[in-house]
Amino acid sequence: MKQIKVLGTGCATCKQLEKLVRQAVEETGTEATIEKVEDIQDIIAYNVMSTPALVIDEEVRSAGRVPSIEELRQLIAS
């Protein structure tokens, strides 16, 4: 099971990324836990300087932007 974290303080783009991640997980049929991380100290621990960020299995895969749904599907499936 994949562990997916959406890092962000609650801004509109962070919420958009979380929504798209949930959609991509559902569309790919991937078993995953999705966690929203809003604590700034937890975000900094990933060395992320701009949000939203996407962490899959403890590896930062995207930061500072909202990937397309197609890109998210590929990131989650790989």
C-alpha atoms as a PDB file:
ATOM      1  CA  MET A   1       0.000   0.000   0.000  1.00  0.00           C
ATOM      2  CA  LYS A   2       1.337   3.392  -0.982  1.00  0.00           C
ATOM      3  CA  GLN A   3       1.606   6.197   1.529  1.00  0.00           C
ATOM      4  CA  ILE A   4       0.746   9.559  -0.033  1.00  0.00           C
ATOM      5  CA  LYS A   5       1.052  12.911   1.697  1.00  0.00           C
ATOM      6  CA  VAL A   6      -0.142  16.264   0.425  1.00  0.00           C
ATOM      7  CA  LEU A   7       1.906  19.018   2.046  1.00  0.00           C
ATOM      8  CA  GLY A   8       0.310  22.423   2.318  1.00  0.00           C
ATOM      9  CA  THR A   9      -1.040  24.944   4.772  1.00  0.00           C
ATOM     10  CA  GLY A  10      -4.617  24.847   3.527  1.00  0.00           C
ATOM     11  CA  CYS A  11      -4.518  27.201   0.552  1.00  0.00           C
ATOM     12  CA  ALA A  12      -6.749  26.690  -2.473  1.00  0.00           C
ATOM     13  CA  THR A  13      -4.014  25.045  -4.559  1.00  0.00           C
ATOM     14  CA  CYS A  14      -3.210  22.644  -1.712  1.00  0.00           C
ATOM     15  CA  LYS A  15      -6.860  21.635  -1.519  1.00  0.00           C
ATOM     16  CA  GLN A  16      -6.945  21.232  -5.304  1.00  0.00           C
ATOM     17  CA  LEU A  17      -3.916  18.915  -5.196  1.00  0.00           C
ATOM     18  CA  GLU A  18      -5.512  16.804  -2.462  1.00  0.00           C
ATOM     19  CA  LYS A  19      -8.716  16.484  -4.502  1.00  0.00           C
ATOM     20  CA  LEU A  20      -6.798  15.474  -7.649  1.00  0.00           C
ATOM     21  CA  VAL A  21      -4.662  12.970  -5.732  1.00  0.00           C
ATOM     22  CA  ARG A  22      -7.791  11.295  -4.352  1.00  0.00           C
ATOM     23  CA  GLN A  23      -9.259  11.199  -7.872  1.00  0.00           C
ATOM     24  CA  ALA A  24      -6.066   9.712  -9.343  1.00  0.00           C
ATOM     25  CA  VAL A  25      -5.865   7.046  -6.631  1.00  0.00           C
ATOM     26  CA  GLU A  26      -9.465   6.069  -7.291  1.00  0.00           C
ATOM     27  CA  GLU A  27      -9.016   6.023 -11.079  1.00  0.00           C
ATOM     28  CA  THR A  28      -5.862   3.897 -10.933  1.00  0.00           C
ATOM     29  CA  GLY A  29      -7.300   1.515  -8.350  1.00  0.00           C
ATOM     30  CA  THR A  30      -4.184   1.956  -6.227  1.00  0.00           C
ATOM     31  CA  GLU A  31      -4.331   0.972  -2.582  1.00  0.00           C
ATOM     32  CA  ALA A  32      -3.074   4.027  -0.734  1.00  0.00           C
ATOM     33  CA  THR A  33      -3.397   6.040   2.409  1.00  0.00           C
ATOM     34  CA  ILE A  34      -3.687   9.761   1.794  1.00  0.00           C
ATOM     35  CA  GLU A  35      -2.692  12.213   4.481  1.00  0.00           C
ATOM     36  CA  LYS A  36      -2.919  16.017   4.440  1.00  0.00           C
ATOM     37  CA  VAL A  37       0.046  17.577   6.246  1.00  0.00           C
ATOM     38  CA  GLU A  38      -0.544  21.190   7.291  1.00  0.00           C
ATOM     39  CA  ASP A  39       1.970  21.667  10.118  1.00  0.00           C
ATOM     40  CA  ILE A  40       4.725  23.949   8.858  1.00  0.00           C
ATOM     41  CA  GLN A  41       7.438  22.137  10.849  1.00  0.00           C
ATOM     42  CA  ASP A  42       6.416  18.798   9.286  1.00  0.00           C
ATOM     43  CA  ILE A  43       6.500  20.386   5.821  1.00  0.00           C
ATOM     44  CA  ILE A  44       9.954  21.880   6.441  1.00  0.00           C
ATOM     45  CA  ALA A  45      11.191  18.437   7.531  1.00  0.00           C
ATOM     46  CA  TYR A  46      10.754  17.343   3.890  1.00  0.00           C
ATOM     47  CA  ASN A  47      12.964  20.262   2.739  1.00  0.00           C
ATOM     48  CA  VAL A  48      10.029  21.679   0.792  1.00  0.00           C
ATOM     49  CA  MET A  49      10.209  25.428   0.326  1.00  0.00           C
ATOM     50  CA  SER A  50       7.049  25.894  -1.739  1.00  0.00           C
ATOM     51  CA  THR A  51       3.680  24.243  -1.489  1.00  0.00           C
ATOM     52  CA  PRO A  52       1.670  22.383  -2.457  1.00  0.00           C
ATOM     53  CA  ALA A  53       3.945  19.364  -2.424  1.00  0.00           C
ATOM     54  CA  LEU A  54       3.325  15.689  -3.039  1.00  0.00           C
ATOM     55  CA  VAL A  55       5.157  12.974  -1.117  1.00  0.00           C
ATOM     56  CA  ILE A  56       4.801   9.349  -2.189  1.00  0.00           C
ATOM     57  CA  ASP A  57       6.344   6.691   0.050  1.00  0.00           C
ATOM     58  CA  GLU A  58       8.410   9.371   1.822  1.00  0.00           C
ATOM     59  CA  GLU A  59       9.878  10.767  -1.433  1.00  0.00           C
ATOM     60  CA  VAL A  60       8.995  14.289  -2.562  1.00  0.00           C
ATOM     61  CA  ARG A  61       7.668  13.881  -6.100  1.00  0.00           C
ATOM     62  CA  SER A  62       6.332  17.380  -6.775  1.00  0.00           C
ATOM     63  CA  ALA A  63       6.580  20.797  -5.114  1.00  0.00           C
ATOM     64  CA  GLY A  64       5.334  24.284  -5.813  1.00  0.00           C
ATOM     65  CA  ARG A  65       2.720  23.316  -8.374  1.00  0.00           C
ATOM     66  CA  VAL A  66      -0.340  21.173  -9.022  1.00  0.00           C
ATOM     67  CA  PRO A  67       0.502  18.387 -11.484  1.00  0.00           C
ATOM     68  CA  SER A  68      -2.080  17.403 -14.093  1.00  0.00           C
ATOM     69  CA  ILE A  69      -4.356  14.465 -13.355  1.00  0.00           C
ATOM     70  CA  GLU A  70      -2.457  12.413 -15.948  1.00  0.00           C
ATOM     71  CA  GLU A  71       0.884  13.169 -14.299  1.00  0.00           C
ATOM     72  CA  LEU A  72      -0.579  12.280 -10.909  1.00  0.00           C
ATOM     73  CA  ARG A  73      -1.825   8.945 -12.255  1.00  0.00           C
ATOM     74  CA  GLN A  74       1.689   8.171 -13.514  1.00  0.00           C
ATOM     75  CA  LEU A  75       3.354   9.234 -10.259  1.00  0.00           C
ATOM     76  CA  ILE A  76       0.964   7.142  -8.183  1.00  0.00           C
ATOM     77  CA  ALA A  77       1.164   4.098 -10.447  1.00  0.00           C
ATOM     78  CA  SER A  78       4.973   4.054 -10.561  1.00  0.00           C
END
